[in-house]
Amino acid sequence: MEIIIDSARPPGYRARVTPDSRTKPVFRVHGRSFLVLVLRPEPPVDEWLAELDAQVARSPTFLESKPVLVDLGGVTEADADLVWLVRTLQQRGLRVLAVEGTDPSWAGADEWGGAIPGGRSTGEVELPVAAAPAVQAAAVEPEPAEIVPAGLVIAEPVRSGQTVIYPAGDVTVLGSIASGAEVFAGGSVHVYGTLRGRVVAGFNGNSKARVFCRRLEAELVAIDGVYRTADDMDAALRGRPVQAWLHGDTVVMAAMD
């Protein structure tokens, strides 16, 4: 079963308010971006649905109520009834936004045919797996557990054109992030090498997230939708270890050396 996450970027960015913008009324248009799951059924569809059910059982909260784009490019009308398949996915708690890859002659194509324009694939993403509960002896008083946030560690550099999306927590890159690469984290982003691309921390509403890097050469740094581009960054910080955090509606950046 192939599950892909699509993301229009940057997600949920908010423009920073400047003193000049407060002196006159301005008509503003606000945009909002969402993560969309792209499901690609494969024949036999019954077995594919069984794999989907197994994945839902392993990580139920990840797929729950998520917007879905169904790509039927890998099946034929004989493999799956379009209306039945959409209803089956809806019964599993998935919100089907649209269906692509259908033939106009398929039954139900007039209702569900037509993909959402825009967006690009970010590649396959490994879904989180729920950890098995720890076994505790009944006669032993449990010790207070330390809460460790979920995190993704990337041992290799993130190359140009690659996009990493990890909504569950922090992302740590042991290498560098190349120009043209993107990293989106629900928590903080830690870069042990050079940050040349784009990083978005706290993209799902975490204003406490931070960005750390050993060498700042970034194209864009964002936290909870508020961002700074390379032109907005202090030239004195370029090439230095830097941390960034959110203060009100401003991304604050400071050297760590």
Protein backbone atom coordinates (compact mmCIF):
# COMPACT_ATOMS: atom_id res chain seq x y z
CA MET A 1 0.00 0.00 0.00
CA GLU A 2 1.42 3.38 -0.98
CA ILE A 3 0.51 6.43 1.07
CA ILE A 4 1.81 9.83 0.01
CA ILE A 5 1.47 13.16 1.73
CA ASP A 6 0.99 16.21 -0.48
CA SER A 7 1.56 19.68 0.91
CA ALA A 8 1.07 23.12 -0.59
CA ARG A 9 3.85 25.27 0.87
CA PRO A 10 4.43 27.29 2.93
CA PRO A 11 1.59 25.95 5.18
CA GLY A 12 -0.32 28.54 7.17
CA TYR A 13 2.21 31.33 6.89
CA ARG A 14 1.24 34.69 8.39
CA ALA A 15 2.72 37.91 7.11
CA ARG A 16 4.44 39.98 9.81
CA VAL A 17 2.79 43.29 10.65
CA THR A 18 5.00 46.33 10.07
CA PRO A 19 4.46 49.86 11.46
CA ASP A 20 3.56 51.18 7.98
CA SER A 21 0.77 48.63 7.61
CA ARG A 22 -1.02 50.02 10.67
CA THR A 23 -1.32 53.55 9.29
CA LYS A 24 -3.78 52.81 6.50
CA PRO A 25 -6.60 50.35 5.88
CA VAL A 26 -5.52 47.44 3.72
CA PHE A 27 -7.69 44.82 2.05
CA ARG A 28 -6.12 41.47 2.88
CA VAL A 29 -6.73 38.04 1.41
CA HIS A 30 -5.73 35.19 3.71
CA GLY A 31 -4.77 31.74 2.45
CA ARG A 32 -4.60 28.47 4.30
CA SER A 33 -2.86 25.25 3.25
CA PHE A 34 -3.58 21.71 4.35
CA LEU A 35 -1.85 18.36 4.26
CA VAL A 36 -3.72 16.00 1.94
CA LEU A 37 -3.27 12.24 1.94
CA VAL A 38 -3.06 10.70 -1.52
CA LEU A 39 -4.28 7.09 -1.49
CA ARG A 40 -3.49 4.91 -4.51
CA PRO A 41 -5.54 1.68 -4.45
CA GLU A 42 -3.96 -1.37 -6.09
CA PRO A 43 -5.65 -4.53 -7.36
CA PRO A 44 -6.98 -6.64 -5.82
CA VAL A 45 -8.75 -3.80 -4.04
CA ASP A 46 -10.09 -6.03 -1.25
CA GLU A 47 -6.53 -6.90 -0.22
CA TRP A 48 -5.49 -3.24 -0.47
CA LEU A 49 -8.37 -2.29 1.85
CA ALA A 50 -7.25 -4.99 4.29
CA GLU A 51 -3.75 -3.42 4.31
CA LEU A 52 -5.34 -0.01 4.89
CA ASP A 53 -7.31 -1.39 7.84
CA ALA A 54 -4.11 -2.87 9.28
CA GLN A 55 -2.38 0.50 8.98
CA VAL A 56 -5.33 2.26 10.64
CA ALA A 57 -5.12 -0.22 13.50
CA ARG A 58 -1.41 0.57 13.97
CA SER A 59 -1.76 4.38 13.82
CA PRO A 60 -5.45 5.32 14.12
CA THR A 61 -4.98 8.99 15.00
CA PHE A 62 -2.75 9.71 12.01
CA LEU A 63 -5.42 8.81 9.45
CA GLU A 64 -8.47 9.87 11.46
CA SER A 65 -10.57 12.57 9.71
CA LYS A 66 -7.70 13.40 7.31
CA PRO A 67 -8.64 14.93 3.92
CA VAL A 68 -7.95 12.41 1.16
CA LEU A 69 -7.33 12.54 -2.59
CA VAL A 70 -7.90 9.11 -4.17
CA ASP A 71 -5.70 8.31 -7.19
CA LEU A 72 -7.25 5.49 -9.26
CA GLY A 73 -4.54 5.50 -11.92
CA GLY A 74 -3.49 2.00 -10.86
CA VAL A 75 -6.88 0.31 -11.16
CA THR A 76 -9.61 -0.19 -13.75
CA GLU A 77 -13.38 0.07 -13.46
CA ALA A 78 -13.46 -3.72 -13.27
CA ASP A 79 -11.15 -3.67 -10.25
CA ALA A 80 -13.26 -1.31 -8.14
CA ASP A 81 -16.66 0.36 -8.28
CA LEU A 82 -15.93 4.08 -7.86
CA VAL A 83 -18.97 4.98 -5.76
CA TRP A 84 -18.56 1.89 -3.56
CA LEU A 85 -14.85 2.61 -2.99
CA VAL A 86 -15.46 6.22 -1.98
CA ARG A 87 -18.20 5.21 0.44
CA THR A 88 -15.99 2.46 1.86
CA LEU A 89 -13.20 4.95 2.57
CA GLN A 90 -15.68 7.37 4.13
CA GLN A 91 -16.90 4.62 6.44
CA ARG A 92 -13.31 4.32 7.68
CA GLY A 93 -13.37 7.97 8.77
CA LEU A 94 -11.50 9.39 5.77
CA ARG A 95 -12.79 12.61 4.18
CA VAL A 96 -12.53 12.12 0.40
CA LEU A 97 -12.06 15.51 -1.29
CA ALA A 98 -11.75 14.31 -4.88
CA VAL A 99 -10.82 11.36 -7.08
CA GLU A 100 -8.34 11.45 -9.94
CA GLY A 101 -7.23 8.93 -12.54
CA THR A 102 -10.77 7.94 -13.55
CA ASP A 103 -12.27 7.62 -17.02
CA PRO A 104 -15.25 9.91 -17.73
CA SER A 105 -17.29 6.81 -18.65
CA TRP A 106 -17.00 5.34 -15.14
CA ALA A 107 -20.15 5.34 -13.04
CA GLY A 108 -19.87 8.15 -10.51
CA ALA A 109 -17.08 9.95 -12.40
CA ASP A 110 -19.29 13.02 -12.85
CA GLU A 111 -19.59 13.33 -9.07
CA TRP A 112 -16.11 12.36 -7.91
CA GLY A 113 -13.91 12.80 -10.99
CA GLY A 114 -11.47 15.69 -11.27
CA ALA A 115 -8.34 16.10 -9.15
CA ILE A 116 -7.53 19.12 -7.01
CA PRO A 117 -5.33 21.45 -9.09
CA GLY A 118 -1.83 22.33 -7.92
CA GLY A 119 0.37 20.69 -5.34
CA ARG A 120 3.21 18.25 -5.90
CA SER A 121 4.08 14.89 -4.48
CA THR A 122 6.58 14.83 -1.62
CA GLY A 123 7.38 11.12 -1.94
CA GLU A 124 6.53 8.23 0.31
CA VAL A 125 6.27 8.89 4.03
CA GLU A 126 6.60 6.20 6.69
CA LEU A 127 3.55 6.38 8.92
CA PRO A 128 4.02 6.39 12.70
CA VAL A 129 3.31 3.13 14.50
CA ALA A 130 1.66 3.11 17.90
CA ALA A 131 3.99 1.73 20.54
CA ALA A 132 2.92 -1.38 22.41
CA PRO A 133 1.90 -0.69 26.03
CA ALA A 134 4.55 -1.52 28.61
CA VAL A 135 3.83 -4.48 30.89
CA GLN A 136 3.84 -3.49 34.57
CA ALA A 137 3.77 -5.95 37.47
CA ALA A 138 0.69 -5.38 39.61
CA ALA A 139 2.63 -5.46 42.91
CA VAL A 140 5.19 -2.82 41.88
CA GLU A 141 4.46 0.88 42.20
CA PRO A 142 5.30 2.46 38.82
CA GLU A 143 7.91 5.21 38.74
CA PRO A 144 6.91 8.58 37.24
CA ALA A 145 7.65 8.36 33.53
CA GLU A 146 9.64 10.99 31.71
CA ILE A 147 7.71 12.30 28.72
CA VAL A 148 9.92 12.17 25.65
CA PRO A 149 8.60 14.01 22.57
CA ALA A 150 8.37 12.10 19.34
CA GLY A 151 11.17 12.83 16.91
CA LEU A 152 12.57 11.96 13.51
CA VAL A 153 16.35 11.65 13.02
CA ILE A 154 17.70 11.94 9.48
CA ALA A 155 21.23 10.57 9.28
CA GLU A 156 21.89 11.75 5.72
CA PRO A 157 21.89 15.24 4.17
CA VAL A 158 18.57 16.48 2.80
CA ARG A 159 19.28 17.04 -0.89
CA SER A 160 17.92 19.76 -3.18
CA GLY A 161 14.36 18.99 -4.30
CA GLN A 162 13.63 16.74 -1.32
CA THR A 163 10.83 17.54 1.15
CA VAL A 164 10.61 16.05 4.65
CA ILE A 165 7.26 16.35 6.49
CA TYR A 166 7.00 15.09 10.07
CA PRO A 167 3.93 16.44 11.92
CA ALA A 168 4.41 14.30 15.06
CA GLY A 169 7.36 16.16 16.63
CA ASP A 170 10.96 17.33 16.21
CA VAL A 171 13.13 16.71 13.16
CA THR A 172 16.90 16.33 13.63
CA VAL A 173 19.15 16.42 10.55
CA LEU A 174 22.64 15.11 11.31
CA GLY A 175 23.95 16.48 8.02
CA SER A 176 23.06 19.60 6.05
CA ILE A 177 19.92 20.84 4.27
CA ALA A 178 20.70 21.79 0.69
CA SER A 179 19.40 24.80 -1.19
CA GLY A 180 15.99 23.92 -2.66
CA ALA A 181 15.28 21.32 0.06
CA GLU A 182 12.47 21.66 2.62
CA VAL A 183 11.90 20.32 6.12
CA PHE A 184 8.51 20.65 7.87
CA ALA A 185 8.24 19.66 11.54
CA GLY A 186 5.37 19.72 14.00
CA GLY A 187 8.01 20.49 16.65
CA SER A 188 11.49 22.00 16.47
CA VAL A 189 14.10 21.53 13.72
CA HIS A 190 17.73 20.74 14.63
CA VAL A 191 20.36 20.91 11.86
CA TYR A 192 23.86 19.74 12.80
CA GLY A 193 25.26 20.89 9.47
CA THR A 194 24.59 23.85 7.19
CA LEU A 195 21.03 25.05 6.72
CA ARG A 196 20.75 26.29 3.13
CA GLY A 197 17.15 25.38 2.23
CA ARG A 198 13.83 26.03 3.93
CA VAL A 199 12.75 24.90 7.39
CA VAL A 200 9.29 25.24 8.91
CA ALA A 201 8.99 24.41 12.61
CA GLY A 202 5.71 24.08 14.49
CA PHE A 203 3.76 24.09 11.23
CA ASN A 204 0.65 22.55 12.83
CA GLY A 205 0.27 25.33 15.41
CA ASN A 206 3.21 24.94 17.83
CA SER A 207 4.38 28.47 18.66
CA LYS A 208 6.96 27.09 21.14
CA ALA A 209 8.95 25.31 18.45
CA ARG A 210 12.46 26.50 17.58
CA VAL A 211 15.01 26.15 14.79
CA PHE A 212 18.67 25.36 15.55
CA CYS A 213 21.50 25.07 13.03
CA ARG A 214 25.29 24.89 13.12
CA ARG A 215 25.68 27.18 10.09
CA LEU A 216 22.97 29.54 8.82
CA GLU A 217 22.66 29.99 5.05
CA ALA A 218 18.88 29.52 4.93
CA GLU A 219 16.47 30.57 2.21
CA LEU A 220 13.57 30.66 4.67
CA VAL A 221 13.02 29.99 8.38
CA ALA A 222 9.45 29.77 9.68
CA ILE A 223 7.81 29.00 13.03
CA ASP A 224 4.05 28.48 13.39
CA GLY A 225 3.43 30.23 10.06
CA VAL A 226 5.55 33.34 10.77
CA TYR A 227 8.62 33.45 8.57
CA ARG A 228 11.82 35.21 7.62
CA THR A 229 13.38 34.98 4.19
CA ALA A 230 17.08 35.32 3.45
CA ASP A 231 16.62 39.02 2.69
CA ASP A 232 15.12 39.59 6.17
CA MET A 233 17.94 37.89 8.08
CA ASP A 234 20.78 39.80 9.74
CA ALA A 235 23.85 39.47 7.53
CA ALA A 236 25.99 39.15 10.67
CA LEU A 237 24.30 35.80 11.41
CA ARG A 238 25.17 34.23 8.07
CA GLY A 239 27.57 31.32 8.41
CA ARG A 240 27.21 31.14 12.20
CA PRO A 241 25.46 28.76 14.64
CA VAL A 242 21.99 30.25 15.11
CA GLN A 243 18.76 29.54 16.93
CA ALA A 244 15.37 31.02 16.00
CA TRP A 245 12.19 31.31 18.03
CA LEU A 246 8.84 33.07 17.86
CA HIS A 247 8.19 36.23 19.85
CA GLY A 248 4.69 37.50 19.16
CA ASP A 249 4.43 37.83 15.39
CA THR A 250 8.18 38.03 14.83
CA VAL A 251 10.78 35.31 14.26
CA VAL A 252 13.75 36.23 16.46
CA MET A 253 17.18 34.91 15.47
CA ALA A 254 20.35 34.94 17.58
CA ALA A 255 23.84 33.53 17.33
CA MET A 256 24.80 30.64 19.61
CA ASP A 257 28.60 31.14 19.55
